[in-house]
Amino acid sequence: MSDTPADVIGFYSTQLGVDEAAAESVLASALGRGGSFAELYFEHKRSGSLSFEDQQVKSTQASLSQGVGIRVVEGDAIGYAYTEDLSLDAMRRAAATAAQIAHGTTETNPVDVTAESYPADRYAIASPSTSTPLADKVELLRRADDAARAYHSSIARVDASMVDEEKRVLIVRSDGRMVADYQPLLRFNVSCLSELEGERRNARWGGGGRMGMAYFENHSPESLAEEAARQAVLQQEAREAPAGTFPVVLAAGDSGILLHEAVGHGLEADFNRKETSNYSNRIGQSVASELVTVIDDATLNLSRGSVNIDDEGEVTGHNLLIENGQLAAYMQDRISSDHFGVAPSGNGRRQSFRHSPMPRMTNTYMTAGDDEPEDLIRRVDYGIYCKAFSGGQVNITNGDFVFSVTEGYLIENGQISAPIRDVNLIGNGPDVLSKVTGVGHDLEMSDGRWTCGKSGQSVPVGVGIPTVLVSGITVGGTQMRPGAGMSA
């Protein structure tokens, strides 16, 4: 059974010797040179990984890490230090290092800390995967391997892996707030190689979330493996993608990664505070089609990007970013919210205690519309249907992006036809959102397999989208559409 906040606070006190008195003492050291705010981020993480290759266990790993990150804030300046040694002397030394950012001569006194709780637990689980016997995990991987190989005779190689962790977080702040959280995480992946008549095609699939072994009750290893195998085999019969600008229908679920990269990063407040985002100084302005509403929501039950509290100790919530095409808000951390004079939105996140927090997405999605998904496809004479992606890149300053599509199809005369391969979508985030002409009623969150990188830090995220019709996106393929040409 997962820990409650009181359990986590008790764990730090009884097992690691970090109680309220110790925390208050370290905070006092952190503010010894002044500073307007100080924060202690304690992390205790137990994690494991298991990989299965060539029909046998390739590697296993288990690790335990713990430490505290200490942040001192003075205006826009941040002093940060961390230590893996949770003795009082070591923490005070780290606090004194972080305090060097402040240049005052008057010591600031922190407020006496008081434990707080949050309204709901978004990922209470009955059976943590980290406590599951290794043999049981190996059997899951073996089942996945067997299912993938049985799917098609061309499957020549299968790699399967499972990664899980349980993290106990304690955050103590100089404004008196003390909050704690227990954060489980699981991810299961299968990669398949199809070899047929000299052609080699790879595909990868998987899922997970903030859950334990109950994940496999609704997502069997066989189903995940068969999906990876299906995509790999499908690529063998796929034709080369056309090149040009076409209408694109984004399938529900996994296509949300395009929204995450092309739009979401530009709505993180630090880029807008520094005025390096295409969305800077545009609150209240039209930035998308009126059919587009975008949400970032850390409160979705069991989702990979969900957190009860962010990594600054703020309770997370349902944040409206774009409403009917108008920019409504940015995703805020403490530094940026002070700058903009608004409340933190619960988007301060960090990779670990070794890193300072920054505004990051949690679960980002576009809300459902009124259209039938099939009708959106019927509206396209010739275009592309995109179902699965391997990721992409975006330029935050101007919103330009490139995405790789791992499962895509031609749309011809309003019908999905031949599968295509080597598909890249090239465009501009705000421009694409302005060209949304239809939104389905079938909002779907992608299964938990995405990790977001920013400024050298990686955090788990969730993405989602309904079926969406975009009137035109540049497709970077290798074949010209029949009848199309180039002119100078």
Protein backbone atom coordinates (compact mmCIF):
# COMPACT_ATOMS: atom_id res chain seq x y z
CA MET A 1 0.00 0.00 0.00
CA SER A 2 1.30 3.46 -0.88
CA ASP A 3 2.30 5.87 1.88
CA THR A 4 0.17 8.78 3.04
CA PRO A 5 1.80 12.21 3.55
CA ALA A 6 1.91 11.51 7.29
CA ASP A 7 3.69 8.21 6.55
CA VAL A 8 6.31 10.00 4.47
CA ILE A 9 6.90 12.64 7.15
CA GLY A 10 7.21 9.86 9.72
CA PHE A 11 9.65 7.98 7.46
CA TYR A 12 11.98 10.98 7.21
CA SER A 13 11.79 11.60 10.94
CA THR A 14 12.26 8.06 12.23
CA GLN A 15 14.39 6.51 9.48
CA LEU A 16 16.54 9.44 8.34
CA GLY A 17 16.54 11.75 11.35
CA VAL A 18 14.99 14.66 9.45
CA ASP A 19 12.34 16.16 11.72
CA GLU A 20 10.82 19.62 12.03
CA ALA A 21 13.56 20.87 14.33
CA ALA A 22 16.31 19.75 11.93
CA ALA A 23 14.54 21.30 8.96
CA GLU A 24 14.06 24.61 10.77
CA SER A 25 17.73 24.67 11.70
CA VAL A 26 18.81 24.13 8.07
CA LEU A 27 16.38 26.80 6.84
CA ALA A 28 17.87 29.24 9.33
CA SER A 29 21.32 28.55 7.88
CA ALA A 30 19.98 29.02 4.36
CA LEU A 31 18.67 32.47 5.26
CA GLY A 32 21.69 33.42 7.33
CA ARG A 33 22.81 36.06 4.80
CA GLY A 34 19.33 37.38 4.10
CA GLY A 35 17.38 36.13 1.12
CA SER A 36 13.64 36.35 0.70
CA PHE A 37 12.83 32.66 0.62
CA ALA A 38 14.42 29.26 1.22
CA GLU A 39 13.28 25.74 0.51
CA LEU A 40 14.45 22.22 1.32
CA TYR A 41 13.59 19.44 -1.14
CA PHE A 42 14.21 15.99 0.35
CA GLU A 43 14.07 12.96 -1.91
CA HIS A 44 14.35 9.25 -1.17
CA LYS A 45 14.06 7.14 -4.33
CA ARG A 46 14.13 3.40 -4.78
CA SER A 47 14.21 2.30 -8.42
CA GLY A 48 14.82 -0.74 -10.56
CA SER A 49 15.13 -1.76 -14.19
CA LEU A 50 15.02 -5.07 -16.03
CA SER A 51 15.74 -5.73 -19.70
CA PHE A 52 15.04 -8.82 -21.79
CA GLU A 53 16.90 -9.37 -25.07
CA ASP A 54 17.49 -12.39 -27.32
CA GLN A 55 14.91 -14.32 -25.28
CA GLN A 56 16.83 -13.98 -22.05
CA VAL A 57 17.42 -11.54 -19.24
CA LYS A 58 20.03 -9.06 -20.41
CA SER A 59 20.42 -6.89 -17.32
CA THR A 60 18.90 -6.05 -13.97
CA GLN A 61 19.57 -3.03 -11.82
CA ALA A 62 18.36 -1.74 -8.49
CA SER A 63 19.33 1.56 -6.93
CA LEU A 64 18.63 3.68 -3.90
CA SER A 65 19.33 7.39 -3.80
CA GLN A 66 18.59 10.09 -1.28
CA GLY A 67 19.51 13.67 -0.63
CA VAL A 68 18.31 17.21 -0.18
CA GLY A 69 18.37 20.16 -2.55
CA ILE A 70 18.51 23.56 -0.85
CA ARG A 71 17.39 26.67 -2.69
CA VAL A 72 17.72 30.28 -1.57
CA VAL A 73 15.89 32.98 -3.54
CA GLU A 74 16.78 36.66 -3.65
CA GLY A 75 14.69 38.42 -6.28
CA ASP A 76 15.34 36.66 -9.58
CA ALA A 77 18.63 35.25 -8.29
CA ILE A 78 18.78 31.64 -7.08
CA GLY A 79 21.39 29.96 -4.93
CA TYR A 80 21.30 26.16 -5.06
CA ALA A 81 23.26 23.40 -3.39
CA TYR A 82 22.60 19.75 -2.59
CA THR A 83 24.00 16.97 -0.48
CA GLU A 84 23.45 13.24 -0.25
CA ASP A 85 24.49 13.36 3.39
CA LEU A 86 21.43 14.07 5.54
CA SER A 87 23.36 14.70 8.74
CA LEU A 88 22.61 18.09 10.27
CA ASP A 89 26.15 19.40 9.79
CA ALA A 90 26.25 18.42 6.11
CA MET A 91 22.88 20.00 5.42
CA ARG A 92 23.92 23.22 7.15
CA ARG A 93 27.08 23.40 5.03
CA ALA A 94 25.02 22.96 1.85
CA ALA A 95 22.60 25.62 3.09
CA ALA A 96 25.47 28.03 3.69
CA THR A 97 26.66 27.44 0.12
CA ALA A 98 23.22 28.17 -1.32
CA ALA A 99 23.01 31.27 0.87
CA GLN A 100 25.97 32.85 -0.94
CA ILE A 101 23.51 34.23 -3.50
CA ALA A 102 22.21 36.67 -0.88
CA HIS A 103 24.30 39.70 0.02
CA GLY A 104 22.43 41.10 3.00
CA THR A 105 23.86 41.46 6.45
CA THR A 106 20.60 40.85 8.31
CA GLU A 107 19.56 37.29 8.95
CA THR A 108 16.03 36.37 7.83
CA ASN A 109 14.11 34.19 10.24
CA PRO A 110 12.05 31.34 8.74
CA VAL A 111 8.51 30.71 9.98
CA ASP A 112 7.97 27.69 12.23
CA VAL A 113 7.02 24.80 9.96
CA THR A 114 3.63 23.10 10.03
CA ALA A 115 2.72 19.92 8.18
CA GLU A 116 0.01 20.34 5.55
CA SER A 117 -1.94 17.84 3.46
CA TYR A 118 -3.46 18.04 -0.02
CA PRO A 119 -7.11 17.50 -0.97
CA ALA A 120 -6.81 14.15 -2.76
CA ASP A 121 -4.35 11.41 -3.63
CA ARG A 122 -4.22 10.93 -7.40
CA TYR A 123 -2.25 7.69 -7.36
CA ALA A 124 -2.95 5.62 -4.27
CA ILE A 125 -1.93 2.07 -5.20
CA ALA A 126 -2.37 -1.29 -3.51
CA SER A 127 0.68 -3.14 -4.88
CA PRO A 128 3.90 -1.18 -5.57
CA SER A 129 5.82 -2.74 -8.44
CA THR A 130 9.11 -2.14 -6.64
CA SER A 131 8.07 -4.77 -4.08
CA THR A 132 7.20 -7.37 -6.73
CA PRO A 133 9.56 -10.40 -6.89
CA LEU A 134 12.06 -10.25 -9.76
CA ALA A 135 10.86 -13.59 -11.12
CA ASP A 136 7.36 -12.20 -11.61
CA LYS A 137 8.71 -9.25 -13.60
CA VAL A 138 10.85 -11.56 -15.74
CA GLU A 139 7.73 -13.57 -16.55
CA LEU A 140 5.97 -10.43 -17.78
CA LEU A 141 8.88 -9.70 -20.13
CA ARG A 142 8.97 -13.30 -21.32
CA ARG A 143 5.26 -13.19 -22.11
CA ALA A 144 5.80 -10.02 -24.13
CA ASP A 145 8.66 -11.62 -26.06
CA ASP A 146 6.61 -14.73 -26.86
CA ALA A 147 3.61 -12.70 -28.02
CA ALA A 148 5.66 -10.46 -30.31
CA ARG A 149 7.42 -13.39 -31.98
CA ALA A 150 4.12 -15.22 -32.43
CA TYR A 151 2.52 -12.19 -34.08
CA HIS A 152 4.39 -12.57 -37.39
CA SER A 153 7.16 -14.73 -38.78
CA SER A 154 9.19 -11.66 -39.80
CA ILE A 155 9.77 -10.56 -36.20
CA ALA A 156 13.49 -11.27 -35.85
CA ARG A 157 14.31 -9.45 -32.62
CA VAL A 158 12.37 -8.41 -29.55
CA ASP A 159 13.65 -6.21 -26.72
CA ALA A 160 11.46 -5.70 -23.68
CA SER A 161 12.12 -3.67 -20.56
CA MET A 162 10.48 -2.61 -17.33
CA VAL A 163 11.48 0.38 -15.21
CA ASP A 164 9.85 1.31 -11.93
CA GLU A 165 10.42 3.53 -8.92
CA GLU A 166 8.92 4.76 -5.68
CA LYS A 167 9.88 8.19 -4.48
CA ARG A 168 9.23 9.80 -1.10
CA VAL A 169 9.40 13.57 -1.26
CA LEU A 170 9.44 16.03 1.64
CA ILE A 171 9.42 19.78 1.02
CA VAL A 172 9.97 22.29 3.81
CA ARG A 173 9.81 26.02 3.12
CA SER A 174 10.76 29.15 5.01
CA ASP A 175 7.16 30.38 4.84
CA GLY A 176 6.27 27.55 7.23
CA ARG A 177 4.85 25.03 4.78
CA MET A 178 5.83 21.36 5.09
CA VAL A 179 4.31 18.90 2.60
CA ALA A 180 5.12 15.34 1.61
CA ASP A 181 4.22 12.91 -1.15
CA TYR A 182 4.70 9.29 -2.16
CA GLN A 183 5.19 8.99 -5.94
CA PRO A 184 5.18 5.60 -7.69
CA LEU A 185 6.05 5.26 -11.37
CA LEU A 186 6.08 2.35 -13.80
CA ARG A 187 6.97 2.01 -17.47
CA PHE A 188 6.91 -1.12 -19.67
CA ASN A 189 8.36 -1.05 -23.21
CA VAL A 190 8.62 -3.45 -26.12
CA SER A 191 10.71 -2.92 -29.26
CA CYS A 192 10.34 -5.17 -32.33
CA LEU A 193 12.44 -5.62 -35.45
CA SER A 194 10.79 -7.00 -38.58
CA GLU A 195 13.05 -8.45 -41.29
CA LEU A 196 11.44 -9.25 -44.63
CA GLU A 197 13.16 -9.61 -48.00
CA GLY A 198 16.13 -7.57 -46.88
CA GLU A 199 14.03 -4.79 -45.33
CA ARG A 200 14.46 -4.09 -41.62
CA ARG A 201 11.79 -2.07 -39.79
CA ASN A 202 11.64 -1.19 -36.12
CA ALA A 203 8.75 -0.16 -33.91
CA ARG A 204 8.40 0.54 -30.22
CA TRP A 205 5.39 0.57 -27.92
CA GLY A 206 4.60 0.51 -24.23
CA GLY A 207 2.92 2.29 -21.40
CA GLY A 208 2.62 2.81 -17.68
CA GLY A 209 1.89 5.59 -15.25
CA ARG A 210 1.82 6.38 -11.55
CA MET A 211 0.66 2.92 -10.63
CA GLY A 212 1.81 -0.49 -9.55
CA MET A 213 1.25 -4.03 -10.81
CA ALA A 214 -2.45 -3.31 -11.31
CA TYR A 215 -1.41 -1.69 -14.60
CA PHE A 216 -1.15 -5.15 -16.16
CA GLU A 217 -4.75 -5.98 -15.31
CA ASN A 218 -5.87 -3.73 -18.18
CA HIS A 219 -2.67 -3.69 -20.26
CA SER A 220 -1.33 -7.20 -20.69
CA PRO A 221 2.29 -7.69 -21.80
CA GLU A 222 0.88 -9.53 -24.80
CA SER A 223 -1.21 -6.57 -25.96
CA LEU A 224 1.71 -4.15 -25.65
CA ALA A 225 4.04 -6.52 -27.52
CA GLU A 226 1.53 -7.24 -30.28
CA GLU A 227 1.09 -3.51 -30.86
CA ALA A 228 4.85 -3.03 -31.26
CA ALA A 229 5.00 -6.02 -33.62
CA ARG A 230 2.00 -4.77 -35.60
CA GLN A 231 3.62 -1.40 -36.22
CA ALA A 232 6.93 -2.98 -37.27
CA VAL A 233 5.22 -5.34 -39.74
CA LEU A 234 3.00 -2.54 -41.03
CA GLN A 235 6.10 -0.57 -42.04
CA GLN A 236 7.11 -3.41 -44.35
CA GLU A 237 4.08 -2.84 -46.57
CA ALA A 238 4.08 0.96 -46.23
CA ARG A 239 4.86 3.18 -49.21
CA GLU A 240 7.09 6.24 -49.10
CA ALA A 241 5.39 9.34 -47.75
CA PRO A 242 4.43 12.16 -50.13
CA ALA A 243 6.15 15.52 -49.83
CA GLY A 244 4.28 18.79 -49.73
CA THR A 245 1.68 20.64 -47.69
CA PHE A 246 -1.47 18.63 -47.02
CA PRO A 247 -4.45 18.44 -44.69
CA VAL A 248 -3.51 16.30 -41.70
CA VAL A 249 -5.78 14.39 -39.35
CA LEU A 250 -4.17 13.76 -35.97
CA ALA A 251 -5.52 10.63 -34.29
CA ALA A 252 -6.73 10.79 -30.70
CA GLY A 253 -4.23 10.03 -27.93
CA ASP A 254 -0.60 9.76 -28.96
CA SER A 255 -0.81 12.78 -31.27
CA GLY A 256 -0.90 14.89 -28.13
CA ILE A 257 2.90 14.81 -28.22
CA LEU A 258 2.71 17.35 -31.07
CA LEU A 259 0.65 19.65 -28.85
CA HIS A 260 3.11 19.14 -25.99
CA GLU A 261 6.17 20.08 -27.99
CA ALA A 262 4.86 22.58 -30.52
CA VAL A 263 2.69 24.55 -28.09
CA GLY A 264 3.21 23.46 -24.48
CA HIS A 265 6.83 24.50 -24.01
CA GLY A 266 6.07 27.96 -25.31
CA LEU A 267 3.49 28.35 -22.54
CA GLU A 268 5.95 27.65 -19.72
CA ALA A 269 6.33 30.87 -17.77
CA ASP A 270 10.12 31.09 -17.59
CA PHE A 271 10.38 31.50 -21.37
CA ASN A 272 7.71 34.20 -21.22
CA ARG A 273 9.28 35.93 -18.22
CA LYS A 274 12.48 36.19 -20.27
CA GLU A 275 10.41 37.08 -23.37
CA THR A 276 11.98 34.30 -25.44
CA SER A 277 8.69 32.54 -26.26
CA ASN A 278 6.47 33.16 -29.25
CA TYR A 279 3.66 33.61 -26.70
CA SER A 280 5.34 36.36 -24.65
CA ASN A 281 3.09 39.33 -23.77
CA ARG A 282 0.10 37.74 -25.50
CA ILE A 283 -2.26 36.92 -22.60
CA GLY A 284 -5.82 37.59 -23.78
CA GLN A 285 -4.85 37.50 -27.46
CA SER A 286 -5.97 35.02 -30.08
CA VAL A 287 -3.25 32.39 -30.57
CA ALA A 288 -5.25 29.53 -32.11
CA SER A 289 -8.47 28.56 -33.81
CA GLU A 290 -11.56 29.15 -31.66
CA LEU A 291 -12.00 25.37 -31.68
CA VAL A 292 -8.85 24.97 -29.56
CA THR A 293 -8.83 24.78 -25.76
CA VAL A 294 -5.66 23.51 -24.06
CA ILE A 295 -5.33 22.31 -20.46
CA ASP A 296 -2.44 21.27 -18.26
CA ASP A 297 -3.77 19.05 -15.47
CA ALA A 298 -1.64 17.28 -12.86
CA THR A 299 -4.69 15.81 -11.11
CA LEU A 300 -5.59 13.03 -13.57
CA ASN A 301 -5.73 9.78 -11.64
CA LEU A 302 -2.76 7.45 -12.18
CA SER A 303 -1.44 9.40 -15.18
CA ARG A 304 2.31 9.51 -15.80
CA GLY A 305 2.49 13.29 -15.51
CA SER A 306 0.32 13.60 -12.39
CA VAL A 307 1.63 14.84 -9.05
CA ASN A 308 -0.28 15.64 -5.87
CA ILE A 309 2.13 18.48 -5.15
CA ASP A 310 4.72 20.02 -7.41
CA ASP A 311 8.41 20.08 -6.53
CA GLU A 312 8.06 23.43 -4.78
CA GLY A 313 5.34 22.14 -2.44
CA GLU A 314 2.39 23.74 -4.24
CA VAL A 315 -0.84 21.78 -4.58
CA THR A 316 -1.37 21.01 -8.26
CA GLY A 317 -4.52 21.63 -10.25
CA HIS A 318 -6.39 21.97 -13.54
CA ASN A 319 -4.82 24.88 -15.43
CA LEU A 320 -6.54 26.48 -18.41
CA LEU A 321 -3.87 27.67 -20.87
CA ILE A 322 -5.78 28.41 -24.09
CA GLU A 323 -9.56 28.91 -24.10
CA ASN A 324 -11.44 28.94 -27.40
CA GLY A 325 -8.30 30.11 -29.15
CA GLN A 326 -7.35 32.87 -26.68
CA LEU A 327 -4.23 32.66 -24.51
CA ALA A 328 -5.45 32.47 -20.91
CA ALA A 329 -2.39 31.74 -18.77
CA TYR A 330 1.13 30.39 -18.52
CA MET A 331 2.39 27.47 -16.45
CA GLN A 332 4.02 29.01 -13.39
CA ASP A 333 6.65 28.15 -10.83
CA ARG A 334 7.40 30.35 -7.80
CA ILE A 335 9.96 32.61 -9.48
CA SER A 336 7.82 33.29 -12.52
CA SER A 337 4.58 33.72 -10.57
CA ASP A 338 6.26 36.40 -8.43
CA HIS A 339 7.38 38.14 -11.61
CA PHE A 340 3.89 38.09 -13.15
CA GLY A 341 2.08 38.81 -9.89
CA VAL A 342 -0.06 35.68 -10.06
CA ALA A 343 -0.40 32.55 -7.94
CA PRO A 344 1.85 29.55 -8.64
CA SER A 345 0.03 27.04 -10.85
CA GLY A 346 1.68 23.92 -9.43
CA ASN A 347 4.05 23.48 -12.39
CA GLY A 348 7.38 23.82 -10.58
CA ARG A 349 9.15 20.54 -11.34
CA ARG A 350 12.67 19.13 -11.16
CA GLN A 351 14.40 15.92 -12.16
CA SER A 352 15.81 15.22 -8.70
CA PHE A 353 17.15 16.84 -5.54
CA ARG A 354 20.26 17.70 -7.55
CA HIS A 355 18.28 20.12 -9.70
CA SER A 356 16.53 23.42 -9.17
CA PRO A 357 12.84 23.53 -10.19
CA MET A 358 11.48 25.31 -13.24
CA PRO A 359 8.08 25.57 -14.96
CA ARG A 360 7.25 22.25 -16.62
CA MET A 361 4.22 20.55 -18.07
CA THR A 362 2.41 17.70 -16.30
CA ASN A 363 -0.47 16.21 -18.37
CA THR A 364 -1.14 18.53 -21.31
CA TYR A 365 -4.09 18.01 -23.62
CA MET A 366 -6.61 19.60 -25.97
CA THR A 367 -10.23 19.31 -24.86
CA ALA A 368 -12.83 17.42 -26.90
CA GLY A 369 -14.98 19.07 -29.56
CA ASP A 370 -18.25 18.09 -31.20
CA ASP A 371 -17.18 16.42 -34.46
CA GLU A 372 -17.42 12.73 -35.30
CA PRO A 373 -13.85 11.51 -35.90
CA GLU A 374 -14.91 9.71 -39.08
CA ASP A 375 -16.41 12.93 -40.45
CA LEU A 376 -13.07 14.70 -40.10
CA ILE A 377 -11.44 12.05 -42.27
CA ARG A 378 -14.28 12.22 -44.82
CA ARG A 379 -13.64 15.95 -45.20
CA VAL A 380 -10.14 15.30 -46.63
CA ASP A 381 -9.75 14.63 -50.35
CA TYR A 382 -6.03 13.91 -50.14
CA GLY A 383 -3.98 14.13 -46.97
CA ILE A 384 -2.27 12.32 -44.12
CA TYR A 385 -3.61 10.48 -41.07
CA CYS A 386 -1.11 10.36 -38.19
CA LYS A 387 -1.63 7.81 -35.44
CA ALA A 388 1.67 7.33 -33.56
CA PHE A 389 4.82 9.39 -33.05
CA SER A 390 8.38 8.83 -31.87
CA GLY A 391 8.88 12.41 -30.69
CA GLY A 392 10.05 15.72 -32.06
CA GLN A 393 11.85 19.00 -31.51
CA VAL A 394 10.69 22.60 -31.25
CA ASN A 395 12.29 26.06 -31.33
CA ILE A 396 10.71 27.84 -28.34
CA THR A 397 11.44 31.30 -29.72
CA ASN A 398 9.39 30.97 -32.90
CA GLY A 399 7.44 27.74 -32.41
CA ASP A 400 8.93 25.88 -35.39
CA PHE A 401 8.83 22.11 -34.99
CA VAL A 402 9.74 18.80 -36.64
CA PHE A 403 8.01 15.54 -35.66
CA SER A 404 8.60 11.92 -36.66
CA VAL A 405 5.49 9.87 -37.36
CA THR A 406 5.86 6.14 -36.71
CA GLU A 407 2.41 5.14 -37.93
CA GLY A 408 0.78 7.15 -40.68
CA TYR A 409 -1.59 6.61 -43.60
CA LEU A 410 -2.68 8.36 -46.75
CA ILE A 411 -6.20 9.74 -46.85
CA GLU A 412 -7.68 9.50 -50.33
CA ASN A 413 -11.21 10.57 -51.25
CA GLY A 414 -12.20 10.76 -47.59
CA GLN A 415 -10.97 7.27 -46.74
CA ILE A 416 -7.86 6.00 -44.92
CA SER A 417 -5.86 4.06 -47.51
CA ALA A 418 -2.24 2.93 -47.71
CA PRO A 419 0.20 3.06 -44.79
CA ILE A 420 3.18 5.36 -45.33
CA ARG A 421 6.62 5.51 -43.76
CA ASP A 422 9.46 7.96 -43.23
CA VAL A 423 6.93 10.68 -42.39
CA ASN A 424 7.99 13.98 -40.83
CA LEU A 425 5.66 16.83 -39.96
CA ILE A 426 7.27 20.26 -40.29
CA GLY A 427 5.55 23.41 -39.18
CA ASN A 428 4.98 26.15 -36.65
CA GLY A 429 2.98 25.57 -33.46
CA PRO A 430 0.86 28.74 -33.44
CA ASP A 431 0.33 28.47 -37.20
CA VAL A 432 -0.87 24.86 -36.92
CA LEU A 433 -3.25 25.72 -34.07
CA SER A 434 -4.72 28.51 -36.19
CA LYS A 435 -5.46 25.96 -38.94
CA VAL A 436 -7.48 23.56 -36.78
CA THR A 437 -10.81 23.20 -38.61
CA GLY A 438 -12.32 20.25 -36.76
CA VAL A 439 -12.06 18.66 -33.30
CA GLY A 440 -13.51 15.25 -32.45
CA HIS A 441 -15.44 14.30 -29.33
CA ASP A 442 -13.02 11.42 -28.61
CA LEU A 443 -10.41 12.92 -26.26
CA GLU A 444 -7.89 10.25 -25.32
CA MET A 445 -4.81 10.38 -23.13
CA SER A 446 -1.74 8.58 -24.42
CA ASP A 447 -0.59 5.61 -22.36
CA GLY A 448 2.21 6.60 -20.00
CA ARG A 449 5.35 6.40 -22.08
CA TRP A 450 6.55 9.99 -22.55
CA THR A 451 9.48 11.72 -20.87
CA CYS A 452 10.11 15.43 -21.43
CA GLY A 453 13.54 17.02 -21.57
CA LYS A 454 14.29 20.68 -20.87
CA SER A 455 17.52 22.43 -19.87
CA GLY A 456 19.18 19.10 -19.12
CA GLN A 457 16.38 17.82 -16.89
CA SER A 458 13.96 14.99 -17.67
CA VAL A 459 10.53 14.54 -16.06
CA PRO A 460 7.62 12.17 -16.78
CA VAL A 461 4.66 13.74 -18.58
CA GLY A 462 1.29 12.82 -20.04
CA VAL A 463 -0.19 13.98 -23.35
CA GLY A 464 -3.64 13.79 -24.89
CA ILE A 465 -5.77 15.02 -27.76
CA PRO A 466 -9.01 14.17 -29.56
CA THR A 467 -9.04 13.52 -33.30
CA VAL A 468 -8.11 16.87 -34.89
CA LEU A 469 -8.20 18.10 -38.49
CA VAL A 470 -5.55 20.65 -39.49
CA SER A 471 -6.10 22.24 -42.90
CA GLY A 472 -2.41 22.18 -43.80
CA ILE A 473 0.93 20.95 -42.44
CA THR A 474 4.15 20.46 -44.40
CA VAL A 475 4.96 16.77 -44.79
CA GLY A 476 8.60 15.94 -45.27
CA GLY A 477 8.40 12.80 -47.39
CA THR A 478 10.23 11.49 -50.43
CA GLN A 479 7.45 11.18 -53.04
CA MET A 480 5.58 13.92 -54.87
CA ARG A 481 1.81 13.66 -54.91
CA PRO A 482 0.65 12.31 -58.30
CA GLY A 483 -0.09 15.25 -60.56
CA ALA A 484 1.72 17.76 -58.33
CA GLY A 485 4.80 19.62 -59.45
CA MET A 486 7.16 22.46 -58.68
CA SER A 487 7.39 25.87 -60.29
CA ALA A 488 9.83 28.75 -60.07
